[in-house]
């Protein structure tokens, strides 16, 4: 999905006079690099490769004060690194130490050893990597527990980790939360058909109507096609993809022009992961969580239904739980309105995790 939009956006950019486009990019990247500088006495700014699951995987650790709670962010896509949002989420690092990890098959991890060096790009393999990354961060930063932040498809990993390891995580926060119900709720699919009919998109409508009624029988390519149409058929989501996602990638001081193409390649390479959760049922897996549990969803998300996320949330049993909608947002709500997302974290999550554990002693 993102890969297709990225390719289109890049073509439009490069059709303009190259010197002007690249000059503007260089200026904006320089400003973003200055914005991202961390020079506080107890701050941390580390990016590099760590051996996880038998291969070198890229991990970033950034924050202004090591005494702050640690947040491990699981990116979505699959294969869509959230490290591109660094300048947009810079304010988060004043209150949290943010850990971002390019999973196997994604961006910098993909660039380290190429497609042939990624090993098994599968759900169970990446889930095992996530456990290893969790333990690495707990040891590296000398903390017992960390906040687990699952974004989009990363939240499918997040739910499972939060259920299984409450002793390692101080809270779970899902945003653009994926809820799997073994295909019982097809409202997202039906809404897509309605939008395509209303827009007179006959070719796209025919492609969607030709899909097997059982989503579990879709191929990885068919799932990607469906996701692409979910995004491109909705003006708010498409605007977010172009301005927030592609804009962040284009102006990221951490990423080169070559990595723009690698971002797209990683998304395509990682499509295969979604097959593992096509028939999953989060209700059957369990609605009891032994840690604080929060979901923050875009009010108008057409990819991950806020109504379905709310129904699951209502059935969750947890010591503390909270649900919030970010107004006038579709998918990528936390990155379209990062200050609103931070406000929710500071109001509902940080007080809990700070009071529950001693501050980190430093590194």
Protein backbone atom coordinates (compact mmCIF):
# COMPACT_ATOMS: atom_id res chain seq x y z
CA UNK A 1 0.00 0.00 0.00
CA UNK A 2 2.53 2.61 1.13
CA UNK A 3 4.96 1.36 -1.49
CA UNK A 4 2.57 2.17 -4.33
CA UNK A 5 1.77 5.63 -2.97
CA UNK A 6 5.47 6.23 -2.35
CA UNK A 7 6.34 5.37 -5.93
CA UNK A 8 3.65 7.75 -7.25
CA UNK A 9 4.71 10.57 -4.92
CA UNK A 10 8.37 10.14 -5.83
CA UNK A 11 7.54 10.30 -9.53
CA UNK A 12 5.68 13.59 -9.04
CA UNK A 13 8.57 15.04 -7.05
CA UNK A 14 11.20 14.03 -9.54
CA UNK A 15 9.15 15.38 -12.44
CA UNK A 16 9.78 18.86 -11.03
CA UNK A 17 13.15 20.57 -11.66
CA UNK A 18 15.62 18.33 -9.83
CA UNK A 19 17.82 21.09 -8.46
CA UNK A 20 14.90 22.87 -6.80
CA UNK A 21 13.38 19.71 -5.35
CA UNK A 22 16.65 18.36 -4.00
CA UNK A 23 17.70 21.77 -2.71
CA UNK A 24 14.48 22.12 -0.74
CA UNK A 25 14.91 18.58 0.57
CA UNK A 26 18.48 19.30 1.71
CA UNK A 27 17.38 22.45 3.56
CA UNK A 28 14.49 20.71 5.30
CA UNK A 29 16.63 17.70 6.24
CA UNK A 30 19.24 20.02 7.74
CA UNK A 31 16.59 21.75 9.85
CA UNK A 32 15.22 18.38 10.95
CA UNK A 33 18.70 17.19 11.90
CA UNK A 34 19.10 20.25 14.13
CA UNK A 35 15.68 19.64 15.64
CA UNK A 36 16.62 16.05 16.49
CA UNK A 37 19.85 16.86 18.34
CA UNK A 38 19.90 15.61 21.92
CA UNK A 39 22.46 17.35 24.13
CA UNK A 40 20.95 17.01 27.61
CA UNK A 41 23.31 15.69 30.35
CA UNK A 42 21.40 12.45 30.92
CA UNK A 43 20.15 12.00 27.36
CA UNK A 44 20.79 9.22 24.87
CA UNK A 45 20.98 9.15 21.08
CA UNK A 46 22.10 5.78 19.75
CA UNK A 47 21.48 4.21 16.35
CA UNK A 48 23.13 1.06 15.18
CA UNK A 49 22.91 -2.63 14.47
CA UNK A 50 22.36 -5.31 17.08
CA UNK A 51 22.46 -9.04 16.41
CA UNK A 52 18.87 -10.20 16.87
CA UNK A 53 17.57 -13.57 15.75
CA UNK A 54 20.83 -14.39 14.04
CA UNK A 55 21.01 -11.28 11.82
CA UNK A 56 22.04 -7.62 12.24
CA UNK A 57 18.95 -5.50 12.96
CA UNK A 58 18.77 -1.71 13.29
CA UNK A 59 17.72 -0.21 16.63
CA UNK A 60 17.45 3.46 17.62
CA UNK A 61 17.33 4.63 21.26
CA UNK A 62 16.61 8.33 21.82
CA UNK A 63 15.52 10.45 24.76
CA UNK A 64 16.45 13.53 26.75
CA UNK A 65 16.55 11.82 30.15
CA UNK A 66 17.34 8.18 30.88
CA UNK A 67 15.20 8.44 34.01
CA UNK A 68 12.12 8.69 31.78
CA UNK A 69 9.99 5.63 30.98
CA UNK A 70 11.20 3.54 28.03
CA UNK A 71 8.85 2.96 25.08
CA UNK A 72 9.47 0.17 22.54
CA UNK A 73 7.62 0.97 19.33
CA UNK A 74 6.60 -1.89 17.02
CA UNK A 75 6.12 -0.53 13.51
CA UNK A 76 3.43 -1.60 11.10
CA UNK A 77 3.30 -2.17 7.39
CA UNK A 78 4.48 -4.85 7.69
CA UNK A 79 7.90 -3.58 6.71
CA UNK A 80 7.19 0.14 7.26
CA UNK A 81 9.75 1.61 9.64
CA UNK A 82 8.47 4.40 11.91
CA UNK A 83 11.95 5.87 12.38
CA UNK A 84 11.04 8.22 9.51
CA UNK A 85 8.77 10.10 11.94
CA UNK A 86 11.63 11.20 14.22
CA UNK A 87 11.25 14.97 13.63
CA UNK A 88 7.45 14.81 13.95
CA UNK A 89 7.67 12.98 17.30
CA UNK A 90 10.66 14.88 18.70
CA UNK A 91 8.58 16.18 21.62
CA UNK A 92 7.90 12.59 22.79
CA UNK A 93 11.60 12.28 23.62
CA UNK A 94 11.34 14.94 26.34
CA UNK A 95 9.13 12.62 28.37
CA UNK A 96 10.05 9.10 27.19
CA UNK A 97 13.06 7.21 25.89
CA UNK A 98 11.82 6.05 22.47
CA UNK A 99 13.15 2.80 21.02
CA UNK A 100 12.53 2.21 17.32
CA UNK A 101 13.46 -1.02 15.59
CA UNK A 102 13.51 -1.86 11.88
CA UNK A 103 12.23 -5.43 11.84
CA UNK A 104 13.76 -8.02 9.54
CA UNK A 105 12.74 -7.08 6.01
CA UNK A 106 12.36 -3.38 6.85
CA UNK A 107 14.45 -0.38 5.73
CA UNK A 108 17.85 -0.25 7.46
CA UNK A 109 17.77 -3.89 8.56
CA UNK A 110 16.98 -4.83 4.96
CA UNK A 111 19.80 -2.60 3.73
CA UNK A 112 22.33 -4.19 6.08
CA UNK A 113 22.35 -7.64 4.47
CA UNK A 114 19.91 -7.42 1.54
CA UNK A 115 16.83 -9.58 0.90
CA UNK A 116 18.88 -12.78 0.87
CA UNK A 117 20.27 -12.05 4.33
CA UNK A 118 16.95 -11.51 6.12
CA UNK A 119 16.33 -15.13 7.00
CA UNK A 120 12.73 -16.21 7.49
CA UNK A 121 10.43 -13.20 7.14
CA UNK A 122 7.50 -14.72 8.99
CA UNK A 123 5.21 -13.72 11.84
CA UNK A 124 6.56 -16.26 14.35
CA UNK A 125 10.17 -15.35 13.52
CA UNK A 126 9.56 -11.62 14.01
CA UNK A 127 7.61 -12.31 17.20
CA UNK A 128 10.67 -14.14 18.55
CA UNK A 129 12.83 -11.19 17.44
CA UNK A 130 10.56 -8.82 19.38
CA UNK A 131 11.10 -10.83 22.57
CA UNK A 132 14.83 -10.65 22.01
CA UNK A 133 14.71 -6.89 21.32
CA UNK A 134 12.68 -6.42 24.52
CA UNK A 135 15.30 -8.23 26.58
CA UNK A 136 18.14 -6.37 24.86
CA UNK A 137 16.57 -3.00 25.70
CA UNK A 138 15.82 -3.96 29.30
CA UNK A 139 19.47 -4.93 29.75
CA UNK A 140 20.92 -2.02 27.78
CA UNK A 141 18.92 0.61 29.68
CA UNK A 142 18.89 -1.20 33.04
CA UNK A 143 15.08 -1.24 33.39
CA UNK A 144 12.79 -4.06 34.48
CA UNK A 145 9.79 -3.04 32.40
CA UNK A 146 9.12 -0.98 29.29
CA UNK A 147 6.01 0.48 27.69
CA UNK A 148 4.99 -1.50 24.61
CA UNK A 149 3.61 0.63 21.76
CA UNK A 150 2.11 -1.33 18.87
CA UNK A 151 1.38 0.61 15.69
CA UNK A 152 -0.87 -0.75 12.92
CA UNK A 153 0.28 -4.28 12.00
CA UNK A 154 2.86 -4.01 14.77
CA UNK A 155 -0.07 -4.06 17.18
CA UNK A 156 -0.78 -7.67 16.14
CA UNK A 157 2.60 -8.52 17.68
CA UNK A 158 1.90 -6.13 20.54
CA UNK A 159 -1.27 -7.83 21.75
CA UNK A 160 0.45 -11.21 21.86
CA UNK A 161 3.50 -9.88 23.67
CA UNK A 162 1.40 -8.00 26.21
CA UNK A 163 -0.64 -11.12 27.00
CA UNK A 164 2.39 -13.36 27.32
CA UNK A 165 4.90 -11.15 29.17
CA UNK A 166 3.24 -8.73 31.61
CA UNK A 167 6.35 -8.95 33.77
CA UNK A 168 8.41 -7.29 31.00
CA UNK A 169 6.02 -4.49 30.03
CA UNK A 170 4.70 -1.70 32.26
CA UNK A 171 1.79 -0.92 29.92
CA UNK A 172 0.45 -1.69 26.46
CA UNK A 173 -0.58 1.07 24.06
CA UNK A 174 -2.09 0.16 20.70
CA UNK A 175 -2.60 2.74 17.97
CA UNK A 176 -4.14 2.01 14.58
CA UNK A 177 -4.88 -1.18 16.51
CA UNK A 178 -5.33 -4.30 14.38
CA UNK A 179 -8.07 -6.52 15.76
CA UNK A 180 -8.46 -9.94 14.18
CA UNK A 181 -11.75 -11.77 14.59
CA UNK A 182 -11.39 -14.67 12.12
CA UNK A 183 -13.31 -12.69 9.51
CA UNK A 184 -16.59 -12.22 11.39
CA UNK A 185 -16.65 -8.44 10.92
CA UNK A 186 -16.39 -7.37 7.27
CA UNK A 187 -17.45 -3.74 7.76
CA UNK A 188 -14.12 -2.35 6.52
CA UNK A 189 -14.47 -4.41 3.33
CA UNK A 190 -18.12 -3.39 2.81
CA UNK A 191 -17.27 0.28 3.35
CA UNK A 192 -14.57 -0.02 0.68
CA UNK A 193 -17.09 -1.43 -1.81
CA UNK A 194 -19.43 1.48 -1.02
CA UNK A 195 -16.70 4.09 -1.60
CA UNK A 196 -15.62 2.51 -4.87
CA UNK A 197 -19.20 2.37 -6.18
CA UNK A 198 -19.84 5.99 -5.17
CA UNK A 199 -16.64 7.13 -6.91
CA UNK A 200 -17.41 5.17 -10.09
CA UNK A 201 -14.18 3.18 -9.77
CA UNK A 202 -15.46 0.26 -11.84
CA UNK A 203 -12.12 -1.46 -12.46
CA UNK A 204 -11.12 -1.35 -8.81
CA UNK A 205 -14.60 -2.40 -7.72
CA UNK A 206 -14.44 -5.44 -10.00
CA UNK A 207 -11.05 -6.42 -8.55
CA UNK A 208 -12.38 -6.25 -4.99
CA UNK A 209 -15.61 -8.07 -5.84
CA UNK A 210 -13.53 -10.83 -7.45
CA UNK A 211 -11.78 -11.61 -4.16
CA UNK A 212 -12.71 -14.87 -2.45
CA UNK A 213 -15.42 -14.36 0.21
CA UNK A 214 -13.10 -15.95 2.75
CA UNK A 215 -10.27 -13.49 3.44
CA UNK A 216 -8.12 -16.33 4.74
CA UNK A 217 -7.82 -17.54 1.15
CA UNK A 218 -6.48 -14.27 -0.21
CA UNK A 219 -2.90 -14.21 -1.41
CA UNK A 220 -0.38 -11.75 0.00
CA UNK A 221 -0.70 -9.71 -3.20
CA UNK A 222 -4.47 -9.60 -2.88
CA UNK A 223 -4.24 -8.39 0.71
CA UNK A 224 -1.82 -5.67 -0.37
CA UNK A 225 -4.13 -4.64 -3.21
CA UNK A 226 -7.07 -4.46 -0.82
CA UNK A 227 -5.09 -2.37 1.68
CA UNK A 228 -3.95 -0.02 -1.08
CA UNK A 229 -7.53 0.58 -2.18
CA UNK A 230 -8.66 1.12 1.41
CA UNK A 231 -6.16 3.97 1.64
CA UNK A 232 -6.45 5.51 -1.81
CA UNK A 233 -10.26 5.48 -1.86
CA UNK A 234 -10.45 7.66 1.26
CA UNK A 235 -9.34 11.31 0.82
CA UNK A 236 -8.24 11.78 4.46
CA UNK A 237 -6.15 8.60 4.49
CA UNK A 238 -4.61 9.38 1.12
CA UNK A 239 -3.72 12.90 2.28
CA UNK A 240 -2.07 11.42 5.39
CA UNK A 241 -0.09 8.93 3.34
CA UNK A 242 1.23 11.63 1.05
CA UNK A 243 1.91 14.44 3.53
CA UNK A 244 2.69 12.62 6.77
CA UNK A 245 4.20 9.31 5.65
CA UNK A 246 5.88 10.22 2.38
CA UNK A 247 6.70 13.72 3.57
CA UNK A 248 8.42 12.29 6.64
CA UNK A 249 10.40 9.80 4.57
CA UNK A 250 11.44 12.45 2.03
CA UNK A 251 12.66 14.90 4.68
CA UNK A 252 14.09 12.44 7.21
CA UNK A 253 17.68 13.32 8.16
CA UNK A 254 18.30 9.64 8.97
CA UNK A 255 17.48 8.33 5.51
CA UNK A 256 19.14 8.70 2.12
CA UNK A 257 17.56 8.88 -1.34
CA UNK A 258 18.56 5.24 -1.87
CA UNK A 259 16.61 4.31 1.25
CA UNK A 260 13.38 5.73 -0.20
CA UNK A 261 13.42 2.85 -2.65
CA UNK A 262 14.43 0.42 0.09
CA UNK A 263 11.42 1.49 2.17
CA UNK A 264 9.12 0.46 -0.68
CA UNK A 265 11.01 -2.76 -1.30
CA UNK A 266 10.75 -3.71 2.36
CA UNK A 267 6.97 -3.28 2.30
CA UNK A 268 6.65 -5.56 -0.72
CA UNK A 269 9.03 -8.14 0.75
CA UNK A 270 7.09 -8.18 4.03
CA UNK A 271 3.62 -8.70 2.53
CA UNK A 272 3.92 -12.43 3.18
CA UNK A 273 3.77 -11.91 6.97
CA UNK A 274 0.06 -11.08 6.98
CA UNK A 275 -0.96 -14.60 5.95
CA UNK A 276 -0.18 -15.82 9.47
CA UNK A 277 -2.87 -13.64 11.06
CA UNK A 278 -5.58 -13.87 8.37
CA UNK A 279 -7.54 -16.39 10.44
CA UNK A 280 -6.55 -15.14 13.89
CA UNK A 281 -9.11 -14.41 16.59
CA UNK A 282 -8.01 -12.00 19.31
CA UNK A 283 -11.06 -12.82 21.42
CA UNK A 284 -10.19 -16.50 21.35
CA UNK A 285 -6.56 -15.72 22.19
CA UNK A 286 -7.71 -13.93 25.32
CA UNK A 287 -9.07 -10.62 26.56
CA UNK A 288 -7.35 -10.68 29.96
CA UNK A 289 -4.23 -8.53 30.26
CA UNK A 290 -2.22 -8.30 33.47
CA UNK A 291 -0.96 -4.79 32.76
CA UNK A 292 -2.45 -1.36 32.00
CA UNK A 293 -4.06 -1.48 28.56
CA UNK A 294 -4.77 1.45 26.23
CA UNK A 295 -6.00 1.89 22.66
CA UNK A 296 -5.72 5.17 20.75
CA UNK A 297 -7.44 5.12 17.37
CA UNK A 298 -8.03 7.57 14.55
CA UNK A 299 -11.66 8.65 14.67
CA UNK A 300 -12.05 8.12 10.91
CA UNK A 301 -9.69 5.19 10.35
CA UNK A 302 -10.80 3.18 7.31
CA UNK A 303 -8.04 0.56 7.57
CA UNK A 304 -8.29 -0.53 11.21
CA UNK A 305 -11.87 -0.04 12.34
CA UNK A 306 -12.25 2.09 15.50
CA UNK A 307 -15.59 0.36 16.12
CA UNK A 308 -14.00 -3.10 16.08
CA UNK A 309 -11.15 -1.88 18.28
CA UNK A 310 -13.71 -0.46 20.71
CA UNK A 311 -15.65 -3.74 20.86
CA UNK A 312 -12.48 -5.63 21.69
CA UNK A 313 -11.47 -3.01 24.25
CA UNK A 314 -14.85 -3.25 25.97
CA UNK A 315 -14.23 -6.97 26.56
CA UNK A 316 -10.68 -6.47 27.86
CA UNK A 317 -10.04 -7.08 31.52
CA UNK A 318 -6.97 -5.20 32.78
CA UNK A 319 -5.81 -3.48 36.00
CA UNK A 320 -6.34 -0.13 34.26
CA UNK A 321 -7.60 0.50 30.76
CA UNK A 322 -8.43 3.44 28.54
CA UNK A 323 -9.72 4.11 25.02
CA UNK A 324 -9.42 7.35 23.07
CA UNK A 325 -10.15 8.61 19.58
CA UNK A 326 -7.97 11.22 17.88
CA UNK A 327 -10.31 13.60 16.13
CA UNK A 328 -10.29 14.16 12.36
CA UNK A 329 -7.70 11.44 11.80
CA UNK A 330 -7.69 8.22 9.85
CA UNK A 331 -4.78 5.75 9.91
CA UNK A 332 -1.40 7.01 11.24
CA UNK A 333 -3.31 9.15 13.76
CA UNK A 334 -0.40 9.23 16.25
CA UNK A 335 1.89 10.66 13.57
CA UNK A 336 -0.61 13.03 11.97
CA UNK A 337 -1.32 14.57 15.38
CA UNK A 338 1.73 13.68 17.48
CA UNK A 339 1.09 16.37 20.10
CA UNK A 340 -2.41 15.03 20.78
CA UNK A 341 -1.04 11.50 21.06
CA UNK A 342 1.65 12.73 23.47
CA UNK A 343 -1.00 14.51 25.55
CA UNK A 344 -2.85 11.19 25.92
CA UNK A 345 0.35 9.39 26.89
CA UNK A 346 1.20 12.03 29.49
CA UNK A 347 -2.31 12.06 30.93
CA UNK A 348 -3.06 8.34 31.06
CA UNK A 349 0.11 6.27 30.63
CA UNK A 350 3.14 8.05 32.04
CA UNK A 351 1.74 8.62 35.56
CA UNK A 352 1.01 4.90 35.88
CA UNK A 353 4.37 3.63 34.68
CA UNK A 354 6.39 6.21 36.62
CA UNK A 355 4.64 5.39 39.90
CA UNK A 356 4.88 1.64 39.30
CA UNK A 357 8.66 1.38 38.95
CA UNK A 358 11.81 3.19 40.08
CA UNK A 359 13.53 5.53 37.65
CA UNK A 360 16.29 4.11 35.51
CA UNK A 361 19.70 4.43 37.07
CA UNK A 362 21.32 5.36 33.75
CA UNK A 363 23.70 3.57 31.46
